[in-house]
Amino acid sequence: ASADTKQFRVEYTCSDHESAEVELDVKEEMKQPVFLYFELDGFYLTHKNVKQSVSYPQMVSDVPVVDGDCKPMMYFGDMVPPYPWDLINPDFAAGSNSTRPANVSDDTPIKPCGSLAYWISTDRFSLKSVDTNVSIPVSENDIVWQKLPYKNTGTGREFPRVEQGQLLWWDVEDEHFKAWIASRSYHHFAQLWGRIEENIPAGKYIVSVSNCRQLWADKAVFLATHSWIGASNLFVANAYLVTGVVLMLWPLVNVVLGKIVEHHRAKRALTAVANAHPQH
């Protein structure tokens, strides 16, 4: 079924708060829906010290929760500038000092807490046809397969802000945030960023990237279509292939090892008999 999918990819680079434009070559028409992914390679989001630094009870609660599972990222003083809210602020000049929210001290608890949430990618994407100079609408809704009941504390929609003595620095109900928290469990992963509900003709496209966060990783963006079993994923396909080959060969390996062991036992037995009855 993966042969029925199409995928066209281009790498990009950008530093904190920068923008970038790259040209994506779509070699064949892509039938809707088309999915826009971003990819990180070499960013160890899934290292256990990061993956385990998260509080799911805090994210599903609408009251303040301070959870030791978030160490070492529990309080404002633990956060490392440039802060994510500055990177998505168009008025924040690259290279400027990051901004401390009002009424916040170093020991103010944060939500979401934990390294997994804090190192969220802030990169945003848009797509435009080179041939027609027309922007392609990309929907950022329905990009999370799991229904994650995360809740913000209070009713405000501005971030960052202080609510009930806690710094709410990011919208935990945002679908990009939910997709980030549910990221795959290996260091080379792709995350769904948006959906395109129209056919994409073959041709050249400009991918514009804004609100960059460096993250010290190789980055790429790609368009993909899905088959009935999902998107093409060579990593998973290769993993299944290797596992299947190992499972098929393992009985043969056991037989060969058994024969070798049996041969050595027989040889030792004959040697023992010969030693017990030496020829004169």
C-alpha atoms as a PDB file:
ATOM      1  CA  ALA A   1       0.000   0.000   0.000  1.00  0.00           C
ATOM      2  CA  SER A   2       2.980   2.327   0.535  1.00  0.00           C
ATOM      3  CA  ALA A   3       3.568   2.193  -3.222  1.00  0.00           C
ATOM      4  CA  ASP A   4       0.255   4.047  -3.641  1.00  0.00           C
ATOM      5  CA  THR A   5       1.512   7.016  -1.638  1.00  0.00           C
ATOM      6  CA  LYS A   6       3.513   9.961  -2.916  1.00  0.00           C
ATOM      7  CA  GLN A   7       6.051  11.996  -0.984  1.00  0.00           C
ATOM      8  CA  PHE A   8       8.116  15.033  -2.004  1.00  0.00           C
ATOM      9  CA  ARG A   9      10.643  16.472   0.432  1.00  0.00           C
ATOM     10  CA  VAL A  10      13.053  19.382   0.792  1.00  0.00           C
ATOM     11  CA  GLU A  11      15.505  20.256   3.567  1.00  0.00           C
ATOM     12  CA  TYR A  12      15.729  23.709   5.149  1.00  0.00           C
ATOM     13  CA  THR A  13      17.797  25.525   7.755  1.00  0.00           C
ATOM     14  CA  CYS A  14      17.076  28.539   9.930  1.00  0.00           C
ATOM     15  CA  SER A  15      18.153  29.926  13.289  1.00  0.00           C
ATOM     16  CA  ASP A  16      16.058  31.235  16.168  1.00  0.00           C
ATOM     17  CA  HIS A  17      13.382  33.751  15.088  1.00  0.00           C
ATOM     18  CA  GLU A  18      14.533  33.648  11.467  1.00  0.00           C
ATOM     19  CA  SER A  19      12.533  32.915   8.328  1.00  0.00           C
ATOM     20  CA  ALA A  20      13.434  30.767   5.344  1.00  0.00           C
ATOM     21  CA  GLU A  21      12.152  29.930   1.875  1.00  0.00           C
ATOM     22  CA  VAL A  22      12.908  26.719  -0.017  1.00  0.00           C
ATOM     23  CA  GLU A  23      11.694  25.356  -3.345  1.00  0.00           C
ATOM     24  CA  LEU A  24       9.851  22.059  -3.328  1.00  0.00           C
ATOM     25  CA  ASP A  25       9.638  20.075  -6.566  1.00  0.00           C
ATOM     26  CA  VAL A  26       6.395  18.092  -6.818  1.00  0.00           C
ATOM     27  CA  LYS A  27       7.106  15.670  -9.655  1.00  0.00           C
ATOM     28  CA  GLU A  28       3.608  14.146  -9.906  1.00  0.00           C
ATOM     29  CA  GLU A  29       0.093  15.340  -9.168  1.00  0.00           C
ATOM     30  CA  MET A  30      -0.970  14.603  -5.599  1.00  0.00           C
ATOM     31  CA  LYS A  31      -4.626  13.803  -4.973  1.00  0.00           C
ATOM     32  CA  GLN A  32      -6.309  15.290  -1.925  1.00  0.00           C
ATOM     33  CA  PRO A  33      -6.056  15.117   0.976  1.00  0.00           C
ATOM     34  CA  VAL A  34      -2.379  16.036   0.983  1.00  0.00           C
ATOM     35  CA  PHE A  35      -0.517  16.186   4.286  1.00  0.00           C
ATOM     36  CA  LEU A  36       2.266  18.607   5.170  1.00  0.00           C
ATOM     37  CA  TYR A  37       4.872  17.232   7.576  1.00  0.00           C
ATOM     38  CA  PHE A  38       7.984  18.655   9.142  1.00  0.00           C
ATOM     39  CA  GLU A  39      10.861  16.368   9.956  1.00  0.00           C
ATOM     40  CA  LEU A  40      13.666  16.473  12.512  1.00  0.00           C
ATOM     41  CA  ASP A  41      16.727  14.265  12.292  1.00  0.00           C
ATOM     42  CA  GLY A  42      19.260  14.110  15.107  1.00  0.00           C
ATOM     43  CA  PHE A  43      17.168  16.022  17.660  1.00  0.00           C
ATOM     44  CA  TYR A  44      16.986  13.714  20.654  1.00  0.00           C
ATOM     45  CA  LEU A  45      13.534  14.751  21.823  1.00  0.00           C
ATOM     46  CA  THR A  46      13.002  11.121  22.727  1.00  0.00           C
ATOM     47  CA  HIS A  47      16.062  10.746  24.953  1.00  0.00           C
ATOM     48  CA  LYS A  48      14.663   9.349  28.200  1.00  0.00           C
ATOM     49  CA  ASN A  49      15.749  12.437  30.181  1.00  0.00           C
ATOM     50  CA  VAL A  50      13.535  14.530  27.891  1.00  0.00           C
ATOM     51  CA  LYS A  51      10.723  12.075  27.151  1.00  0.00           C
ATOM     52  CA  GLN A  52      10.169  11.390  30.853  1.00  0.00           C
ATOM     53  CA  SER A  53      10.242  15.079  31.813  1.00  0.00           C
ATOM     54  CA  VAL A  54       6.510  15.691  31.383  1.00  0.00           C
ATOM     55  CA  SER A  55       3.333  15.820  33.460  1.00  0.00           C
ATOM     56  CA  TYR A  56       0.227  14.419  31.811  1.00  0.00           C
ATOM     57  CA  PRO A  57      -1.833  14.969  35.011  1.00  0.00           C
ATOM     58  CA  GLN A  58      -0.958  18.666  34.839  1.00  0.00           C
ATOM     59  CA  MET A  59      -2.003  18.989  31.186  1.00  0.00           C
ATOM     60  CA  VAL A  60      -5.426  17.390  31.734  1.00  0.00           C
ATOM     61  CA  SER A  61      -6.144  19.500  34.824  1.00  0.00           C
ATOM     62  CA  ASP A  62      -7.705  22.952  34.793  1.00  0.00           C
ATOM     63  CA  VAL A  63      -6.286  23.735  38.260  1.00  0.00           C
ATOM     64  CA  PRO A  64      -2.609  24.363  39.098  1.00  0.00           C
ATOM     65  CA  VAL A  65      -0.496  21.216  39.468  1.00  0.00           C
ATOM     66  CA  VAL A  66       3.193  21.111  40.400  1.00  0.00           C
ATOM     67  CA  ASP A  67       4.570  17.714  39.409  1.00  0.00           C
ATOM     68  CA  GLY A  68       8.073  16.451  40.259  1.00  0.00           C
ATOM     69  CA  ASP A  69       8.002  14.348  37.067  1.00  0.00           C
ATOM     70  CA  CYS A  70       8.768  17.580  35.200  1.00  0.00           C
ATOM     71  CA  LYS A  71      12.283  17.964  36.575  1.00  0.00           C
ATOM     72  CA  PRO A  72      14.435  19.761  35.531  1.00  0.00           C
ATOM     73  CA  MET A  73      11.830  22.113  33.967  1.00  0.00           C
ATOM     74  CA  MET A  74       9.326  22.990  36.710  1.00  0.00           C
ATOM     75  CA  TYR A  75       9.713  26.737  37.334  1.00  0.00           C
ATOM     76  CA  PHE A  76      10.303  29.858  35.299  1.00  0.00           C
ATOM     77  CA  GLY A  77      13.906  29.974  36.490  1.00  0.00           C
ATOM     78  CA  ASP A  78      14.479  26.607  34.816  1.00  0.00           C
ATOM     79  CA  MET A  79      13.510  27.926  31.370  1.00  0.00           C
ATOM     80  CA  VAL A  80      16.267  28.692  28.874  1.00  0.00           C
ATOM     81  CA  PRO A  81      16.049  31.784  26.620  1.00  0.00           C
ATOM     82  CA  PRO A  82      15.150  32.568  23.934  1.00  0.00           C
ATOM     83  CA  TYR A  83      11.690  31.748  25.224  1.00  0.00           C
ATOM     84  CA  PRO A  84       9.194  30.136  22.818  1.00  0.00           C
ATOM     85  CA  TRP A  85       6.698  33.011  23.166  1.00  0.00           C
ATOM     86  CA  ASP A  86       9.351  35.424  21.920  1.00  0.00           C
ATOM     87  CA  LEU A  87      10.088  33.264  18.873  1.00  0.00           C
ATOM     88  CA  ILE A  88       6.458  33.493  17.720  1.00  0.00           C
ATOM     89  CA  ASN A  89       6.196  37.235  18.422  1.00  0.00           C
ATOM     90  CA  PRO A  90       6.700  39.195  15.160  1.00  0.00           C
ATOM     91  CA  ASP A  91       7.700  42.291  17.149  1.00  0.00           C
ATOM     92  CA  PHE A  92      10.551  40.500  18.891  1.00  0.00           C
ATOM     93  CA  ALA A  93      13.854  41.339  17.193  1.00  0.00           C
ATOM     94  CA  ALA A  94      16.261  38.458  16.661  1.00  0.00           C
ATOM     95  CA  GLY A  95      19.163  38.707  19.079  1.00  0.00           C
ATOM     96  CA  SER A  96      17.209  40.776  21.618  1.00  0.00           C
ATOM     97  CA  ASN A  97      17.016  39.801  25.262  1.00  0.00           C
ATOM     98  CA  SER A  98      14.106  37.470  25.962  1.00  0.00           C
ATOM     99  CA  THR A  99      11.185  38.932  27.837  1.00  0.00           C
ATOM    100  CA  ARG A 100      10.181  37.968  31.372  1.00  0.00           C
ATOM    101  CA  PRO A 101       6.376  38.120  31.765  1.00  0.00           C
ATOM    102  CA  ALA A 102       5.045  40.547  34.355  1.00  0.00           C
ATOM    103  CA  ASN A 103       4.585  39.293  37.939  1.00  0.00           C
ATOM    104  CA  VAL A 104       6.800  36.263  37.347  1.00  0.00           C
ATOM    105  CA  SER A 105       9.739  35.223  39.544  1.00  0.00           C
ATOM    106  CA  ASP A 106      12.225  32.403  39.101  1.00  0.00           C
ATOM    107  CA  ASP A 107      10.179  30.166  41.434  1.00  0.00           C
ATOM    108  CA  THR A 108       6.867  30.658  39.597  1.00  0.00           C
ATOM    109  CA  PRO A 109       5.530  27.223  38.534  1.00  0.00           C
ATOM    110  CA  ILE A 110       5.029  26.791  34.792  1.00  0.00           C
ATOM    111  CA  LYS A 111       2.394  25.077  32.662  1.00  0.00           C
ATOM    112  CA  PRO A 112       3.111  23.065  30.641  1.00  0.00           C
ATOM    113  CA  CYS A 113       6.090  21.912  32.671  1.00  0.00           C
ATOM    114  CA  GLY A 114       8.823  19.525  31.607  1.00  0.00           C
ATOM    115  CA  SER A 115      11.541  19.427  28.950  1.00  0.00           C
ATOM    116  CA  LEU A 116       9.347  17.564  26.460  1.00  0.00           C
ATOM    117  CA  ALA A 117       6.906  20.477  26.273  1.00  0.00           C
ATOM    118  CA  TYR A 118       9.517  23.213  26.543  1.00  0.00           C
ATOM    119  CA  TRP A 119      11.508  22.188  23.464  1.00  0.00           C
ATOM    120  CA  ILE A 120       8.477  22.369  21.177  1.00  0.00           C
ATOM    121  CA  SER A 121       9.206  23.417  17.606  1.00  0.00           C
ATOM    122  CA  THR A 122       7.779  26.841  16.798  1.00  0.00           C
ATOM    123  CA  ASP A 123       8.370  26.579  13.015  1.00  0.00           C
ATOM    124  CA  ARG A 124       5.354  27.553  10.909  1.00  0.00           C
ATOM    125  CA  PHE A 125       4.805  26.812   7.225  1.00  0.00           C
ATOM    126  CA  SER A 126       2.974  28.178   4.202  1.00  0.00           C
ATOM    127  CA  LEU A 127       2.926  27.000   0.597  1.00  0.00           C
ATOM    128  CA  LYS A 128       2.711  28.874  -2.692  1.00  0.00           C
ATOM    129  CA  SER A 129       2.780  27.723  -6.314  1.00  0.00           C
ATOM    130  CA  VAL A 130       5.675  29.129  -8.339  1.00  0.00           C
ATOM    131  CA  ASP A 131       3.759  28.672 -11.596  1.00  0.00           C
ATOM    132  CA  THR A 132       0.568  30.504 -10.549  1.00  0.00           C
ATOM    133  CA  ASN A 133       1.879  32.590  -7.611  1.00  0.00           C
ATOM    134  CA  VAL A 134      -1.209  31.415  -5.691  1.00  0.00           C
ATOM    135  CA  SER A 135      -1.035  30.430  -2.026  1.00  0.00           C
ATOM    136  CA  ILE A 136      -2.207  26.928  -1.154  1.00  0.00           C
ATOM    137  CA  PRO A 137      -4.503  26.852   1.907  1.00  0.00           C
ATOM    138  CA  VAL A 138      -3.135  24.605   4.644  1.00  0.00           C
ATOM    139  CA  SER A 139      -5.534  23.639   7.449  1.00  0.00           C
ATOM    140  CA  GLU A 140      -4.026  23.214  10.912  1.00  0.00           C
ATOM    141  CA  ASN A 141      -7.082  21.390  12.270  1.00  0.00           C
ATOM    142  CA  ASP A 142      -7.557  17.639  12.707  1.00  0.00           C
ATOM    143  CA  ILE A 143      -3.832  16.903  12.733  1.00  0.00           C
ATOM    144  CA  VAL A 144      -3.823  14.762  15.885  1.00  0.00           C
ATOM    145  CA  TRP A 145      -4.985  11.160  15.590  1.00  0.00           C
ATOM    146  CA  GLN A 146      -5.388  10.770  19.343  1.00  0.00           C
ATOM    147  CA  LYS A 147      -8.049  12.609  21.341  1.00  0.00           C
ATOM    148  CA  LEU A 148      -5.946  14.223  24.059  1.00  0.00           C
ATOM    149  CA  PRO A 149      -8.050  16.012  26.737  1.00  0.00           C
ATOM    150  CA  TYR A 150      -5.494  18.671  27.642  1.00  0.00           C
ATOM    151  CA  LYS A 151      -6.915  21.765  29.376  1.00  0.00           C
ATOM    152  CA  ASN A 152      -5.672  25.287  29.954  1.00  0.00           C
ATOM    153  CA  THR A 153      -6.012  26.748  33.436  1.00  0.00           C
ATOM    154  CA  GLY A 154      -8.627  29.528  33.424  1.00  0.00           C
ATOM    155  CA  THR A 155     -10.499  30.924  30.432  1.00  0.00           C
ATOM    156  CA  GLY A 156      -7.967  33.367  28.979  1.00  0.00           C
ATOM    157  CA  ARG A 157      -6.521  32.805  25.501  1.00  0.00           C
ATOM    158  CA  GLU A 158      -3.376  34.934  25.744  1.00  0.00           C
ATOM    159  CA  PHE A 159       0.005  33.343  26.353  1.00  0.00           C
ATOM    160  CA  PRO A 160       2.150  33.798  28.326  1.00  0.00           C
ATOM    161  CA  ARG A 161       0.078  34.918  31.310  1.00  0.00           C
ATOM    162  CA  VAL A 162      -0.110  34.241  35.028  1.00  0.00           C
ATOM    163  CA  GLU A 163      -3.189  32.357  36.224  1.00  0.00           C
ATOM    164  CA  GLN A 164      -3.690  31.176  39.819  1.00  0.00           C
ATOM    165  CA  GLY A 165      -0.004  31.689  40.599  1.00  0.00           C
ATOM    166  CA  GLN A 166       1.139  29.665  37.605  1.00  0.00           C
ATOM    167  CA  LEU A 167       2.799  30.869  34.395  1.00  0.00           C
ATOM    168  CA  LEU A 168       0.791  29.570  31.440  1.00  0.00           C
ATOM    169  CA  TRP A 169       3.384  29.953  28.692  1.00  0.00           C
ATOM    170  CA  TRP A 170       1.801  27.841  25.932  1.00  0.00           C
ATOM    171  CA  ASP A 171      -1.654  26.732  24.799  1.00  0.00           C
ATOM    172  CA  VAL A 172      -1.880  23.032  25.735  1.00  0.00           C
ATOM    173  CA  GLU A 173      -5.141  22.737  23.761  1.00  0.00           C
ATOM    174  CA  ASP A 174      -3.363  23.711  20.534  1.00  0.00           C
ATOM    175  CA  GLU A 175      -3.190  20.817  18.063  1.00  0.00           C
ATOM    176  CA  HIS A 176       0.464  21.451  17.186  1.00  0.00           C
ATOM    177  CA  PHE A 177       1.317  21.145  20.881  1.00  0.00           C
ATOM    178  CA  LYS A 178      -0.650  17.889  21.193  1.00  0.00           C
ATOM    179  CA  ALA A 179       1.078  16.490  18.106  1.00  0.00           C
ATOM    180  CA  TRP A 180       4.474  17.427  19.554  1.00  0.00           C
ATOM    181  CA  ILE A 181       3.774  15.694  22.878  1.00  0.00           C
ATOM    182  CA  ALA A 182       2.678  12.585  20.983  1.00  0.00           C
ATOM    183  CA  SER A 183       5.851  12.577  18.860  1.00  0.00           C
ATOM    184  CA  ARG A 184       7.314   9.250  17.796  1.00  0.00           C
ATOM    185  CA  SER A 185       9.759   7.403  19.990  1.00  0.00           C
ATOM    186  CA  TYR A 186      12.906   7.686  17.872  1.00  0.00           C
ATOM    187  CA  HIS A 187      15.265  10.549  17.120  1.00  0.00           C
ATOM    188  CA  HIS A 188      14.377  10.745  13.402  1.00  0.00           C
ATOM    189  CA  PHE A 189      10.708  11.560  13.224  1.00  0.00           C
ATOM    190  CA  ALA A 190       8.153  13.418  11.161  1.00  0.00           C
ATOM    191  CA  GLN A 191       5.216  15.316  12.640  1.00  0.00           C
ATOM    192  CA  LEU A 192       2.021  16.179  10.814  1.00  0.00           C
ATOM    193  CA  TRP A 193       1.715  19.963  10.631  1.00  0.00           C
ATOM    194  CA  GLY A 194      -1.224  20.587   8.281  1.00  0.00           C
ATOM    195  CA  ARG A 195      -3.728  19.220   5.763  1.00  0.00           C
ATOM    196  CA  ILE A 196      -4.402  20.390   2.210  1.00  0.00           C
ATOM    197  CA  GLU A 197      -7.926  19.638   0.990  1.00  0.00           C
ATOM    198  CA  GLU A 198      -7.255  20.094  -2.717  1.00  0.00           C
ATOM    199  CA  ASN A 199      -5.223  18.373  -5.408  1.00  0.00           C
ATOM    200  CA  ILE A 200      -1.620  19.542  -5.779  1.00  0.00           C
ATOM    201  CA  PRO A 201      -0.572  19.672  -9.457  1.00  0.00           C
ATOM    202  CA  ALA A 202       2.951  18.738 -10.444  1.00  0.00           C
ATOM    203  CA  GLY A 203       5.254  21.749 -10.405  1.00  0.00           C
ATOM    204  CA  LYS A 204       7.467  23.971  -8.276  1.00  0.00           C
ATOM    205  CA  TYR A 205       6.296  25.316  -4.908  1.00  0.00           C
ATOM    206  CA  ILE A 206       7.776  27.741  -2.420  1.00  0.00           C
ATOM    207  CA  VAL A 207       7.656  26.615   1.195  1.00  0.00           C
ATOM    208  CA  SER A 208       7.940  29.602   3.525  1.00  0.00           C
ATOM    209  CA  VAL A 209       9.098  28.932   7.080  1.00  0.00           C
ATOM    210  CA  SER A 210       8.632  31.482   9.861  1.00  0.00           C
ATOM    211  CA  ASN A 211       9.042  31.636  13.659  1.00  0.00           C
ATOM    212  CA  CYS A 212      12.025  29.306  13.465  1.00  0.00           C
ATOM    213  CA  ARG A 213      13.497  27.570  16.463  1.00  0.00           C
ATOM    214  CA  GLN A 214      16.956  26.163  15.885  1.00  0.00           C
ATOM    215  CA  LEU A 215      16.750  22.899  17.903  1.00  0.00           C
ATOM    216  CA  TRP A 216      20.185  21.760  16.666  1.00  0.00           C
ATOM    217  CA  ALA A 217      18.757  19.222  14.226  1.00  0.00           C
ATOM    218  CA  ASP A 218      18.594  18.599  10.498  1.00  0.00           C
ATOM    219  CA  LYS A 219      15.203  19.833   9.290  1.00  0.00           C
ATOM    220  CA  ALA A 220      13.018  19.046   6.317  1.00  0.00           C
ATOM    221  CA  VAL A 221       9.453  19.585   5.172  1.00  0.00           C
ATOM    222  CA  PHE A 222       7.525  17.277   2.881  1.00  0.00           C
ATOM    223  CA  LEU A 223       4.151  16.728   1.279  1.00  0.00           C
ATOM    224  CA  ALA A 224       2.668  13.240   1.384  1.00  0.00           C
ATOM    225  CA  THR A 225      -0.464  11.377   0.432  1.00  0.00           C
ATOM    226  CA  HIS A 226      -1.798   8.504   2.507  1.00  0.00           C
ATOM    227  CA  SER A 227      -3.002   5.071   1.513  1.00  0.00           C
ATOM    228  CA  TRP A 228      -5.677   3.175   3.438  1.00  0.00           C
ATOM    229  CA  ILE A 229      -3.029   2.079   5.973  1.00  0.00           C
ATOM    230  CA  GLY A 230      -1.524   5.553   6.349  1.00  0.00           C
ATOM    231  CA  ALA A 231       1.553   7.346   5.095  1.00  0.00           C
ATOM    232  CA  SER A 232       4.679   5.835   3.631  1.00  0.00           C
ATOM    233  CA  ASN A 233       7.218   5.207   6.377  1.00  0.00           C
ATOM    234  CA  LEU A 234      10.468   3.548   5.311  1.00  0.00           C
ATOM    235  CA  PHE A 235      11.755   3.392   8.871  1.00  0.00           C
ATOM    236  CA  VAL A 236       8.806   1.288  10.031  1.00  0.00           C
ATOM    237  CA  ALA A 237       8.767  -0.753   6.814  1.00  0.00           C
ATOM    238  CA  ASN A 238      12.467  -1.573   7.177  1.00  0.00           C
ATOM    239  CA  ALA A 239      11.994  -2.403  10.842  1.00  0.00           C
ATOM    240  CA  TYR A 240       9.217  -4.866  10.006  1.00  0.00           C
ATOM    241  CA  LEU A 241      11.314  -6.361   7.192  1.00  0.00           C
ATOM    242  CA  VAL A 242      14.353  -6.901   9.425  1.00  0.00           C
ATOM    243  CA  THR A 243      12.187  -8.334  12.202  1.00  0.00           C
ATOM    244  CA  GLY A 244      10.505 -10.731   9.763  1.00  0.00           C
ATOM    245  CA  VAL A 245      13.838 -11.939   8.382  1.00  0.00           C
ATOM    246  CA  VAL A 246      15.220 -12.483  11.895  1.00  0.00           C
ATOM    247  CA  LEU A 247      12.112 -14.439  12.939  1.00  0.00           C
ATOM    248  CA  MET A 248      12.327 -16.642   9.822  1.00  0.00           C
ATOM    249  CA  LEU A 249      16.057 -17.335  10.253  1.00  0.00           C
ATOM    250  CA  TRP A 250      15.979 -17.882  13.999  1.00  0.00           C
ATOM    251  CA  PRO A 251      14.709 -21.527  13.836  1.00  0.00           C
ATOM    252  CA  LEU A 252      17.470 -22.343  11.313  1.00  0.00           C
ATOM    253  CA  VAL A 253      20.065 -20.704  13.571  1.00  0.00           C
ATOM    254  CA  ASN A 254      18.759 -22.778  16.501  1.00  0.00           C
ATOM    255  CA  VAL A 255      19.069 -25.996  14.452  1.00  0.00           C
ATOM    256  CA  VAL A 256      22.637 -25.150  13.392  1.00  0.00           C
ATOM    257  CA  LEU A 257      23.635 -24.232  16.940  1.00  0.00           C
ATOM    258  CA  GLY A 258      22.027 -27.429  18.214  1.00  0.00           C
ATOM    259  CA  LYS A 259      23.989 -29.521  15.707  1.00  0.00           C
ATOM    260  CA  ILE A 260      27.233 -27.787  16.704  1.00  0.00           C
ATOM    261  CA  VAL A 261      26.566 -28.376  20.401  1.00  0.00           C
ATOM    262  CA  GLU A 262      25.584 -32.016  19.709  1.00  0.00           C
ATOM    263  CA  HIS A 263      28.786 -32.542  17.698  1.00  0.00           C
ATOM    264  CA  HIS A 264      30.965 -31.150  20.472  1.00  0.00           C
ATOM    265  CA  ARG A 265      29.211 -33.278  23.102  1.00  0.00           C
ATOM    266  CA  ALA A 266      29.699 -36.409  21.003  1.00  0.00           C
ATOM    267  CA  LYS A 267      33.349 -35.519  20.461  1.00  0.00           C
ATOM    268  CA  ARG A 268      33.882 -35.033  24.201  1.00  0.00           C
ATOM    269  CA  ALA A 269      32.144 -38.330  24.935  1.00  0.00           C
ATOM    270  CA  LEU A 270      34.375 -40.217  22.480  1.00  0.00           C
ATOM    271  CA  THR A 271      37.442 -38.559  23.965  1.00  0.00           C
ATOM    272  CA  ALA A 272      36.347 -39.559  27.449  1.00  0.00           C
ATOM    273  CA  VAL A 273      35.806 -43.185  26.376  1.00  0.00           C
ATOM    274  CA  ALA A 274      39.212 -43.261  24.647  1.00  0.00           C
ATOM    275  CA  ASN A 275      40.890 -41.908  27.775  1.00  0.00           C
ATOM    276  CA  ALA A 276      39.097 -44.445  29.975  1.00  0.00           C
ATOM    277  CA  HIS A 277      40.166 -47.390  27.752  1.00  0.00           C
ATOM    278  CA  PRO A 278      43.580 -46.566  26.362  1.00  0.00           C
ATOM    279  CA  GLN A 279      44.907 -48.898  23.709  1.00  0.00           C
ATOM    280  CA  HIS A 280      48.013 -50.941  24.614  1.00  0.00           C
END
